[in-house]
Amino acid sequence: MFHYFVGKIRHIGGETLLNNDMLGIQVHYLGKQDKGEFFLYPYIDDNKKTIFYYCFDTIEQKVLFVSLLKINGVWPKTAFQISQLPPENLKQALKNVDVKFFQAIPGIGPKSAKKIVLQLRGTFDVEDIQRMDIDQKLYKNIVTSLKWFGYGADQIKSTLQRYEGTVTKENMTEVIKWIISQI
């Protein structure tokens, strides 16, 4: 299998080929280069009993593609489309937790878009969870519990955003105690 190739991109019929003087490989390619160094990712499709080569201009695109394939529900064609997006736009979408940016890509629905954002960001905080409507029930339970003690929702929210751990149902009591100690 090939992972790196120096050659030229040619379009023959409806096929895209990456070739040099010795060899030609059919690839999926959306980049802008005509010739030079290319990074390949061989994907074995068990259903069709064949190997597809996805071709990238940079190693960063290939690394992103491989990371996306690890997300449950993201298939090669979708991962390939995302990996071809301009890095600045991708970084901005992740920074802003812009789920709709990913939903604009064919084949990505709301759940997949949320998974992609969370996986690519690596970490997320409560504000991100609120913007993405993840586990609102847990957040509401914490706010309701603390309102009984006379704390305001805004005060609770701003304190909760500073909490560095993960808020789960199991540690909700601990989180509430921490918030009270911080207010």
N, C-alpha and C. Protein backbone atom coordinates (compact mmCIF):
# COMPACT_ATOMS: atom_id res chain seq x y z
N MET A 1 0.84 -1.18 0.00
CA MET A 1 0.00 0.00 0.00
C MET A 1 0.88 1.24 0.00
N PHE A 2 0.37 2.30 -0.57
CA PHE A 2 1.11 3.54 -0.68
C PHE A 2 0.62 4.56 0.36
N HIS A 3 1.58 5.32 0.91
CA HIS A 3 1.23 6.36 1.87
C HIS A 3 1.81 7.72 1.48
N TYR A 4 2.76 7.72 0.57
CA TYR A 4 3.41 8.95 0.13
C TYR A 4 3.73 8.78 -1.35
N PHE A 5 3.53 9.85 -2.12
CA PHE A 5 3.72 9.73 -3.56
C PHE A 5 4.14 11.08 -4.13
N VAL A 6 5.11 11.06 -5.02
CA VAL A 6 5.52 12.27 -5.73
C VAL A 6 5.09 12.08 -7.17
N GLY A 7 4.28 12.98 -7.68
CA GLY A 7 3.78 12.82 -9.04
C GLY A 7 2.88 13.96 -9.45
N LYS A 8 2.04 13.67 -10.45
CA LYS A 8 1.12 14.66 -11.01
C LYS A 8 -0.30 14.14 -10.92
N ILE A 9 -1.23 15.07 -10.77
CA ILE A 9 -2.66 14.74 -10.79
C ILE A 9 -3.14 14.85 -12.23
N ARG A 10 -3.85 13.82 -12.68
CA ARG A 10 -4.44 13.84 -14.02
C ARG A 10 -5.91 13.44 -13.90
N HIS A 11 -6.73 14.06 -14.71
CA HIS A 11 -8.16 13.73 -14.76
C HIS A 11 -8.42 13.08 -16.10
N ILE A 12 -8.78 11.81 -16.07
CA ILE A 12 -9.07 11.06 -17.29
C ILE A 12 -10.48 10.51 -17.18
N GLY A 13 -11.35 10.96 -18.06
CA GLY A 13 -12.76 10.57 -17.96
C GLY A 13 -13.30 11.13 -16.66
N GLY A 14 -13.93 10.31 -15.88
CA GLY A 14 -14.45 10.73 -14.58
C GLY A 14 -13.52 10.34 -13.44
N GLU A 15 -12.33 9.88 -13.75
CA GLU A 15 -11.40 9.39 -12.74
C GLU A 15 -10.30 10.40 -12.46
N THR A 16 -9.81 10.39 -11.24
CA THR A 16 -8.65 11.21 -10.87
C THR A 16 -7.50 10.26 -10.62
N LEU A 17 -6.40 10.49 -11.31
CA LEU A 17 -5.22 9.64 -11.17
C LEU A 17 -4.05 10.45 -10.66
N LEU A 18 -3.27 9.82 -9.81
CA LEU A 18 -2.01 10.38 -9.36
C LEU A 18 -0.94 9.52 -10.01
N ASN A 19 -0.11 10.11 -10.86
CA ASN A 19 0.86 9.28 -11.56
C ASN A 19 2.22 9.94 -11.64
N ASN A 20 3.22 9.09 -11.89
CA ASN A 20 4.57 9.54 -12.22
C ASN A 20 5.04 8.69 -13.39
N ASP A 21 6.33 8.67 -13.69
CA ASP A 21 6.83 7.94 -14.85
C ASP A 21 6.63 6.43 -14.75
N MET A 22 6.48 5.92 -13.55
CA MET A 22 6.44 4.48 -13.35
C MET A 22 5.06 3.91 -13.01
N LEU A 23 4.20 4.72 -12.43
CA LEU A 23 3.00 4.17 -11.81
C LEU A 23 1.87 5.18 -11.80
N GLY A 24 0.64 4.71 -11.82
CA GLY A 24 -0.55 5.55 -11.68
C GLY A 24 -1.50 4.94 -10.68
N ILE A 25 -2.07 5.77 -9.81
CA ILE A 25 -2.99 5.29 -8.78
C ILE A 25 -4.28 6.10 -8.87
N GLN A 26 -5.41 5.40 -8.87
CA GLN A 26 -6.69 6.09 -8.83
C GLN A 26 -6.91 6.59 -7.40
N VAL A 27 -7.25 7.89 -7.26
CA VAL A 27 -7.39 8.48 -5.93
C VAL A 27 -8.65 9.34 -5.86
N HIS A 28 -9.07 9.61 -4.62
CA HIS A 28 -10.08 10.63 -4.34
C HIS A 28 -9.28 11.86 -3.95
N TYR A 29 -9.44 12.95 -4.69
CA TYR A 29 -8.64 14.15 -4.44
C TYR A 29 -9.47 15.40 -4.67
N LEU A 30 -9.44 16.30 -3.70
CA LEU A 30 -10.17 17.56 -3.81
C LEU A 30 -9.26 18.77 -3.70
N GLY A 31 -7.95 18.54 -3.64
CA GLY A 31 -6.99 19.63 -3.47
C GLY A 31 -6.80 20.46 -4.73
N LYS A 32 -5.85 21.35 -4.65
CA LYS A 32 -5.62 22.29 -5.74
C LYS A 32 -4.27 22.10 -6.45
N GLN A 33 -3.42 21.22 -5.94
CA GLN A 33 -2.12 21.00 -6.55
C GLN A 33 -2.25 20.22 -7.85
N ASP A 34 -1.37 20.51 -8.80
CA ASP A 34 -1.30 19.73 -10.04
C ASP A 34 -0.19 18.69 -9.96
N LYS A 35 0.88 19.05 -9.24
CA LYS A 35 2.00 18.12 -9.11
C LYS A 35 2.73 18.42 -7.81
N GLY A 36 3.53 17.46 -7.38
CA GLY A 36 4.31 17.63 -6.16
C GLY A 36 4.20 16.42 -5.26
N GLU A 37 4.33 16.67 -3.95
CA GLU A 37 4.26 15.61 -2.96
C GLU A 37 2.82 15.47 -2.48
N PHE A 38 2.39 14.22 -2.36
CA PHE A 38 1.03 13.94 -1.90
C PHE A 38 1.09 12.88 -0.81
N PHE A 39 0.17 12.99 0.14
CA PHE A 39 0.07 12.02 1.21
C PHE A 39 -1.19 11.21 0.98
N LEU A 40 -1.04 9.89 1.05
CA LEU A 40 -2.16 9.00 0.74
C LEU A 40 -2.63 8.26 1.98
N TYR A 41 -3.90 7.95 2.00
CA TYR A 41 -4.47 7.10 3.04
C TYR A 41 -5.23 5.98 2.36
N PRO A 42 -4.73 4.75 2.48
CA PRO A 42 -5.45 3.62 1.87
C PRO A 42 -6.60 3.19 2.77
N TYR A 43 -7.79 3.17 2.24
CA TYR A 43 -8.97 2.75 2.99
C TYR A 43 -9.50 1.47 2.36
N ILE A 44 -9.56 0.42 3.15
CA ILE A 44 -10.03 -0.87 2.65
C ILE A 44 -11.53 -0.96 2.89
N ASP A 45 -12.30 -1.06 1.82
CA ASP A 45 -13.75 -1.19 1.90
C ASP A 45 -14.09 -2.67 1.81
N ASP A 46 -14.46 -3.25 2.94
CA ASP A 46 -14.77 -4.68 2.99
C ASP A 46 -16.00 -5.04 2.16
N ASN A 47 -16.98 -4.14 2.09
CA ASN A 47 -18.19 -4.42 1.33
C ASN A 47 -17.92 -4.55 -0.16
N LYS A 48 -17.08 -3.68 -0.68
CA LYS A 48 -16.81 -3.70 -2.12
C LYS A 48 -15.54 -4.47 -2.47
N LYS A 49 -14.87 -4.98 -1.45
CA LYS A 49 -13.63 -5.76 -1.64
C LYS A 49 -12.61 -4.99 -2.47
N THR A 50 -12.37 -3.74 -2.08
CA THR A 50 -11.44 -2.90 -2.83
C THR A 50 -10.73 -1.94 -1.89
N ILE A 51 -9.70 -1.29 -2.40
CA ILE A 51 -8.96 -0.28 -1.65
C ILE A 51 -9.18 1.07 -2.34
N PHE A 52 -9.58 2.06 -1.55
CA PHE A 52 -9.71 3.42 -2.04
C PHE A 52 -8.54 4.22 -1.48
N TYR A 53 -7.95 5.05 -2.31
CA TYR A 53 -6.88 5.92 -1.85
C TYR A 53 -7.41 7.35 -1.75
N TYR A 54 -7.30 7.91 -0.55
CA TYR A 54 -7.64 9.31 -0.34
C TYR A 54 -6.34 10.09 -0.38
N CYS A 55 -6.30 11.15 -1.15
CA CYS A 55 -5.08 11.89 -1.43
C CYS A 55 -5.14 13.28 -0.80
N PHE A 56 -4.07 13.67 -0.11
CA PHE A 56 -4.02 14.94 0.62
C PHE A 56 -2.80 15.75 0.21
N ASP A 57 -2.94 17.07 0.27
CA ASP A 57 -1.83 17.97 -0.03
C ASP A 57 -0.84 18.06 1.13
N THR A 58 -1.35 17.95 2.36
CA THR A 58 -0.49 18.11 3.54
C THR A 58 -0.68 16.94 4.50
N ILE A 59 0.33 16.72 5.32
CA ILE A 59 0.24 15.67 6.32
C ILE A 59 -0.81 16.03 7.37
N GLU A 60 -1.02 17.33 7.62
CA GLU A 60 -2.03 17.77 8.59
C GLU A 60 -3.44 17.35 8.15
N GLN A 61 -3.71 17.45 6.85
CA GLN A 61 -5.01 17.02 6.33
C GLN A 61 -5.19 15.52 6.56
N LYS A 62 -4.14 14.77 6.33
CA LYS A 62 -4.22 13.31 6.50
C LYS A 62 -4.43 12.96 7.97
N VAL A 63 -3.72 13.64 8.87
CA VAL A 63 -3.87 13.38 10.31
C VAL A 63 -5.29 13.71 10.76
N LEU A 64 -5.84 14.82 10.28
CA LEU A 64 -7.22 15.18 10.60
C LEU A 64 -8.19 14.12 10.09
N PHE A 65 -7.98 13.65 8.87
CA PHE A 65 -8.81 12.61 8.26
C PHE A 65 -8.82 11.36 9.14
N VAL A 66 -7.64 10.92 9.57
CA VAL A 66 -7.53 9.72 10.41
C VAL A 66 -8.22 9.95 11.75
N SER A 67 -8.09 11.14 12.33
CA SER A 67 -8.77 11.46 13.59
C SER A 67 -10.29 11.40 13.43
N LEU A 68 -10.77 11.91 12.33
CA LEU A 68 -12.22 11.90 12.07
C LEU A 68 -12.76 10.50 11.89
N LEU A 69 -11.96 9.61 11.30
CA LEU A 69 -12.41 8.22 11.11
C LEU A 69 -12.62 7.50 12.43
N LYS A 70 -11.99 7.98 13.49
CA LYS A 70 -12.12 7.36 14.81
C LYS A 70 -13.44 7.73 15.50
N ILE A 71 -14.14 8.72 14.95
CA ILE A 71 -15.41 9.15 15.53
C ILE A 71 -16.52 8.25 15.01
N ASN A 72 -17.26 7.67 15.92
CA ASN A 72 -18.35 6.76 15.56
C ASN A 72 -19.36 7.49 14.68
N GLY A 73 -19.67 6.91 13.52
CA GLY A 73 -20.66 7.49 12.62
C GLY A 73 -20.08 8.38 11.54
N VAL A 74 -18.77 8.63 11.57
CA VAL A 74 -18.12 9.43 10.52
C VAL A 74 -17.42 8.47 9.57
N TRP A 75 -17.84 8.49 8.32
CA TRP A 75 -17.30 7.58 7.31
C TRP A 75 -16.27 8.30 6.45
N PRO A 76 -15.51 7.56 5.65
CA PRO A 76 -14.42 8.16 4.88
C PRO A 76 -14.80 9.34 4.00
N LYS A 77 -15.92 9.26 3.29
CA LYS A 77 -16.28 10.37 2.40
C LYS A 77 -16.53 11.66 3.19
N THR A 78 -17.19 11.53 4.33
CA THR A 78 -17.46 12.69 5.18
C THR A 78 -16.16 13.22 5.79
N ALA A 79 -15.35 12.31 6.31
CA ALA A 79 -14.06 12.71 6.90
C ALA A 79 -13.19 13.41 5.86
N PHE A 80 -13.24 12.92 4.64
CA PHE A 80 -12.44 13.50 3.56
C PHE A 80 -12.90 14.93 3.26
N GLN A 81 -14.21 15.14 3.22
CA GLN A 81 -14.73 16.49 2.97
C GLN A 81 -14.30 17.46 4.07
N ILE A 82 -14.38 17.02 5.31
CA ILE A 82 -14.00 17.89 6.43
C ILE A 82 -12.51 18.20 6.38
N SER A 83 -11.70 17.19 6.07
CA SER A 83 -10.25 17.39 6.05
C SER A 83 -9.80 18.36 4.96
N GLN A 84 -10.64 18.60 3.98
CA GLN A 84 -10.30 19.51 2.88
C GLN A 84 -10.71 20.95 3.17
N LEU A 85 -11.40 21.18 4.27
CA LEU A 85 -11.83 22.54 4.62
C LEU A 85 -10.62 23.40 4.98
N PRO A 86 -10.69 24.71 4.73
CA PRO A 86 -9.57 25.59 5.10
C PRO A 86 -9.33 25.52 6.61
N PRO A 87 -8.08 25.33 7.03
CA PRO A 87 -7.77 25.19 8.46
C PRO A 87 -8.27 26.36 9.32
N GLU A 88 -8.22 27.57 8.78
CA GLU A 88 -8.68 28.74 9.55
C GLU A 88 -10.17 28.63 9.85
N ASN A 89 -10.95 28.24 8.86
CA ASN A 89 -12.40 28.09 9.05
C ASN A 89 -12.71 26.99 10.05
N LEU A 90 -11.97 25.90 9.94
CA LEU A 90 -12.17 24.76 10.84
C LEU A 90 -11.84 25.16 12.28
N LYS A 91 -10.72 25.83 12.48
CA LYS A 91 -10.32 26.26 13.83
C LYS A 91 -11.35 27.23 14.41
N GLN A 92 -11.84 28.14 13.60
CA GLN A 92 -12.83 29.11 14.06
C GLN A 92 -14.13 28.41 14.45
N ALA A 93 -14.55 27.44 13.66
CA ALA A 93 -15.78 26.69 13.96
C ALA A 93 -15.64 25.92 15.26
N LEU A 94 -14.48 25.33 15.49
CA LEU A 94 -14.25 24.59 16.73
C LEU A 94 -14.18 25.54 17.92
N LYS A 95 -13.51 26.66 17.74
CA LYS A 95 -13.39 27.65 18.82
C LYS A 95 -14.76 28.16 19.24
N ASN A 96 -15.63 28.41 18.25
CA ASN A 96 -16.97 28.95 18.52
C ASN A 96 -18.01 27.87 18.76
N VAL A 97 -17.60 26.61 18.77
CA VAL A 97 -18.51 25.47 18.91
C VAL A 97 -19.65 25.63 17.91
N ASP A 98 -19.29 25.83 16.67
CA ASP A 98 -20.24 26.08 15.59
C ASP A 98 -20.70 24.76 14.96
N VAL A 99 -21.72 24.17 15.56
CA VAL A 99 -22.24 22.89 15.09
C VAL A 99 -22.82 23.02 13.68
N LYS A 100 -23.43 24.14 13.39
CA LYS A 100 -24.06 24.35 12.07
C LYS A 100 -23.03 24.36 10.94
N PHE A 101 -21.80 24.76 11.24
CA PHE A 101 -20.72 24.74 10.25
C PHE A 101 -20.54 23.32 9.72
N PHE A 102 -20.58 22.34 10.63
CA PHE A 102 -20.39 20.94 10.23
C PHE A 102 -21.67 20.36 9.63
N GLN A 103 -22.82 20.83 10.09
CA GLN A 103 -24.09 20.34 9.54
C GLN A 103 -24.27 20.74 8.08
N ALA A 104 -23.56 21.76 7.64
CA ALA A 104 -23.65 22.20 6.24
C ALA A 104 -22.99 21.20 5.29
N ILE A 105 -22.20 20.29 5.84
CA ILE A 105 -21.52 19.28 5.02
C ILE A 105 -22.49 18.12 4.80
N PRO A 106 -22.67 17.69 3.55
CA PRO A 106 -23.59 16.59 3.26
C PRO A 106 -23.23 15.33 4.08
N GLY A 107 -24.26 14.74 4.68
CA GLY A 107 -24.06 13.51 5.44
C GLY A 107 -23.86 13.73 6.92
N ILE A 108 -23.84 14.98 7.37
CA ILE A 108 -23.64 15.26 8.80
C ILE A 108 -24.90 15.88 9.37
N GLY A 109 -25.48 15.18 10.34
CA GLY A 109 -26.66 15.69 11.03
C GLY A 109 -26.26 16.34 12.35
N PRO A 110 -27.24 16.75 13.14
CA PRO A 110 -26.95 17.44 14.40
C PRO A 110 -26.12 16.61 15.38
N LYS A 111 -26.46 15.33 15.55
CA LYS A 111 -25.73 14.50 16.50
C LYS A 111 -24.28 14.29 16.06
N SER A 112 -24.09 13.99 14.79
CA SER A 112 -22.73 13.79 14.28
C SER A 112 -21.92 15.08 14.39
N ALA A 113 -22.54 16.20 14.11
CA ALA A 113 -21.84 17.49 14.19
C ALA A 113 -21.37 17.75 15.62
N LYS A 114 -22.22 17.45 16.59
CA LYS A 114 -21.83 17.63 18.00
C LYS A 114 -20.67 16.72 18.36
N LYS A 115 -20.75 15.46 17.93
CA LYS A 115 -19.66 14.51 18.20
C LYS A 115 -18.35 15.01 17.61
N ILE A 116 -18.41 15.49 16.39
CA ILE A 116 -17.21 15.97 15.71
C ILE A 116 -16.59 17.14 16.46
N VAL A 117 -17.41 18.09 16.85
CA VAL A 117 -16.90 19.26 17.57
C VAL A 117 -16.25 18.84 18.88
N LEU A 118 -16.93 17.99 19.64
CA LEU A 118 -16.39 17.57 20.93
C LEU A 118 -15.11 16.77 20.76
N GLN A 119 -15.07 15.88 19.79
CA GLN A 119 -13.90 15.04 19.56
C GLN A 119 -12.70 15.88 19.10
N LEU A 120 -12.93 16.80 18.19
CA LEU A 120 -11.82 17.60 17.67
C LEU A 120 -11.34 18.64 18.66
N ARG A 121 -12.22 19.12 19.49
CA ARG A 121 -11.80 20.10 20.52
C ARG A 121 -11.01 19.42 21.61
N GLY A 122 -11.30 18.15 21.85
CA GLY A 122 -10.58 17.43 22.90
C GLY A 122 -11.20 17.64 24.26
N THR A 123 -11.39 18.87 24.65
CA THR A 123 -12.01 19.18 25.94
C THR A 123 -13.11 20.21 25.71
N PHE A 124 -14.01 20.26 26.64
CA PHE A 124 -15.08 21.24 26.54
C PHE A 124 -15.50 21.63 27.94
N ASP A 125 -16.13 22.78 28.06
CA ASP A 125 -16.60 23.23 29.37
C ASP A 125 -18.12 23.34 29.38
N VAL A 126 -18.64 23.74 30.51
CA VAL A 126 -20.09 23.79 30.69
C VAL A 126 -20.74 24.75 29.70
N GLU A 127 -20.08 25.87 29.42
CA GLU A 127 -20.64 26.83 28.47
C GLU A 127 -20.82 26.17 27.10
N ASP A 128 -19.85 25.35 26.70
CA ASP A 128 -19.97 24.63 25.44
C ASP A 128 -21.16 23.67 25.49
N ILE A 129 -21.32 23.01 26.61
CA ILE A 129 -22.43 22.07 26.75
C ILE A 129 -23.75 22.81 26.61
N GLN A 130 -23.84 23.99 27.23
CA GLN A 130 -25.07 24.76 27.13
C GLN A 130 -25.33 25.19 25.69
N ARG A 131 -24.30 25.67 25.00
CA ARG A 131 -24.48 26.11 23.62
C ARG A 131 -24.88 24.96 22.71
N MET A 132 -24.48 23.75 23.08
CA MET A 132 -24.78 22.59 22.24
C MET A 132 -25.98 21.80 22.76
N ASP A 133 -26.62 22.29 23.83
CA ASP A 133 -27.78 21.62 24.42
C ASP A 133 -27.47 20.20 24.86
N ILE A 134 -26.31 19.98 25.44
CA ILE A 134 -25.95 18.65 25.93
C ILE A 134 -26.19 18.62 27.43
N ASP A 135 -26.95 17.67 27.89
CA ASP A 135 -27.22 17.42 29.29
C ASP A 135 -27.75 18.66 30.01
N GLN A 136 -28.71 19.30 29.41
CA GLN A 136 -29.35 20.47 30.02
C GLN A 136 -30.06 20.07 31.32
N LYS A 137 -30.51 18.83 31.38
CA LYS A 137 -31.23 18.36 32.56
C LYS A 137 -30.34 18.42 33.80
N LEU A 138 -29.09 18.00 33.66
CA LEU A 138 -28.15 18.03 34.77
C LEU A 138 -27.88 19.47 35.20
N TYR A 139 -27.68 20.34 34.24
CA TYR A 139 -27.44 21.76 34.53
C TYR A 139 -28.64 22.35 35.28
N LYS A 140 -29.85 22.06 34.80
CA LYS A 140 -31.06 22.59 35.45
C LYS A 140 -31.20 22.06 36.87
N ASN A 141 -30.82 20.79 37.10
CA ASN A 141 -30.88 20.22 38.45
C ASN A 141 -29.96 20.96 39.41
N ILE A 142 -28.76 21.30 38.94
CA ILE A 142 -27.81 22.04 39.78
C ILE A 142 -28.36 23.43 40.09
N VAL A 143 -28.85 24.12 39.08
CA VAL A 143 -29.40 25.47 39.29
C VAL A 143 -30.60 25.43 40.23
N THR A 144 -31.50 24.48 40.03
CA THR A 144 -32.69 24.35 40.89
C THR A 144 -32.28 24.09 42.33
N SER A 145 -31.32 23.18 42.53
CA SER A 145 -30.86 22.87 43.89
C SER A 145 -30.29 24.10 44.59
N LEU A 146 -29.50 24.88 43.87
CA LEU A 146 -28.86 26.04 44.48
C LEU A 146 -29.81 27.23 44.65
N LYS A 147 -30.84 27.29 43.84
CA LYS A 147 -31.83 28.37 43.99
C LYS A 147 -32.54 28.25 45.34
N TRP A 148 -32.69 27.02 45.83
CA TRP A 148 -33.31 26.80 47.13
C TRP A 148 -32.50 27.46 48.24
N PHE A 149 -31.20 27.62 48.01
CA PHE A 149 -30.33 28.28 49.00
C PHE A 149 -30.27 29.79 48.78
N GLY A 150 -31.02 30.29 47.79
CA GLY A 150 -31.09 31.73 47.56
C GLY A 150 -30.10 32.28 46.54
N TYR A 151 -29.39 31.42 45.84
CA TYR A 151 -28.44 31.89 44.83
C TYR A 151 -29.16 32.16 43.51
N GLY A 152 -28.70 33.16 42.77
CA GLY A 152 -29.29 33.51 41.48
C GLY A 152 -28.72 32.65 40.35
N ALA A 153 -29.51 32.47 39.30
CA ALA A 153 -29.11 31.61 38.17
C ALA A 153 -27.84 32.11 37.50
N ASP A 154 -27.71 33.43 37.33
CA ASP A 154 -26.50 33.99 36.69
C ASP A 154 -25.26 33.75 37.53
N GLN A 155 -25.42 33.90 38.84
CA GLN A 155 -24.31 33.67 39.77
C GLN A 155 -23.88 32.21 39.72
N ILE A 156 -24.83 31.32 39.68
CA ILE A 156 -24.55 29.88 39.62
C ILE A 156 -23.85 29.55 38.30
N LYS A 157 -24.37 30.09 37.22
CA LYS A 157 -23.81 29.82 35.89
C LYS A 157 -22.36 30.28 35.80
N SER A 158 -22.08 31.51 36.24
CA SER A 158 -20.71 32.03 36.13
C SER A 158 -19.74 31.23 37.00
N THR A 159 -20.20 30.78 38.16
CA THR A 159 -19.34 29.96 39.02
C THR A 159 -19.13 28.58 38.42
N LEU A 160 -20.18 28.01 37.89
CA LEU A 160 -20.10 26.67 37.29
C LEU A 160 -19.17 26.64 36.08
N GLN A 161 -19.08 27.74 35.36
CA GLN A 161 -18.18 27.80 34.20
C GLN A 161 -16.72 27.71 34.61
N ARG A 162 -16.41 28.05 35.85
CA ARG A 162 -15.03 27.97 36.34
C ARG A 162 -14.67 26.58 36.84
N TYR A 163 -15.66 25.71 36.98
CA TYR A 163 -15.40 24.35 37.46
C TYR A 163 -14.57 23.61 36.42
N GLU A 164 -13.43 23.05 36.85
CA GLU A 164 -12.49 22.45 35.91
C GLU A 164 -12.75 20.98 35.62
N GLY A 165 -13.48 20.31 36.46
CA GLY A 165 -13.74 18.89 36.23
C GLY A 165 -14.93 18.67 35.32
N THR A 166 -15.26 17.42 35.12
CA THR A 166 -16.42 17.06 34.32
C THR A 166 -17.63 16.94 35.25
N VAL A 167 -18.72 17.54 34.87
CA VAL A 167 -19.93 17.48 35.67
C VAL A 167 -20.73 16.26 35.24
N THR A 168 -20.92 15.33 36.18
CA THR A 168 -21.70 14.12 35.90
C THR A 168 -22.78 13.96 36.96
N LYS A 169 -23.68 13.05 36.72
CA LYS A 169 -24.75 12.78 37.68
C LYS A 169 -24.15 12.27 39.00
N GLU A 170 -23.09 11.48 38.88
CA GLU A 170 -22.45 10.88 40.05
C GLU A 170 -21.77 11.92 40.94
N ASN A 171 -21.21 12.97 40.37
CA ASN A 171 -20.49 13.95 41.19
C ASN A 171 -21.27 15.26 41.37
N MET A 172 -22.57 15.24 41.09
CA MET A 172 -23.37 16.45 41.17
C MET A 172 -23.35 17.05 42.57
N THR A 173 -23.42 16.23 43.62
CA THR A 173 -23.39 16.73 45.00
C THR A 173 -22.06 17.44 45.27
N GLU A 174 -20.98 16.85 44.81
CA GLU A 174 -19.65 17.44 44.98
C GLU A 174 -19.56 18.79 44.25
N VAL A 175 -20.12 18.85 43.07
CA VAL A 175 -20.11 20.09 42.27
C VAL A 175 -20.91 21.18 42.98
N ILE A 176 -22.07 20.81 43.52
CA ILE A 176 -22.90 21.79 44.24
C ILE A 176 -22.15 22.33 45.45
N LYS A 177 -21.47 21.44 46.20
CA LYS A 177 -20.68 21.89 47.35
C LYS A 177 -19.56 22.83 46.90
N TRP A 178 -18.93 22.50 45.79
CA TRP A 178 -17.84 23.34 45.27
C TRP A 178 -18.37 24.73 44.89
N ILE A 179 -19.52 24.77 44.23
CA ILE A 179 -20.11 26.05 43.83
C ILE A 179 -20.41 26.90 45.07
N ILE A 180 -21.00 26.28 46.09
CA ILE A 180 -21.32 27.01 47.33
C ILE A 180 -20.04 27.58 47.95
N SER A 181 -18.96 26.80 47.92
CA SER A 181 -17.70 27.28 48.50
C SER A 181 -17.08 28.41 47.69
N GLN A 182 -17.41 28.51 46.42
CA GLN A 182 -16.84 29.54 45.55
C GLN A 182 -17.64 30.84 45.53
N ILE A 183 -18.92 30.75 45.91
CA ILE A 183 -19.77 31.95 45.86
C ILE A 183 -19.59 32.78 47.12
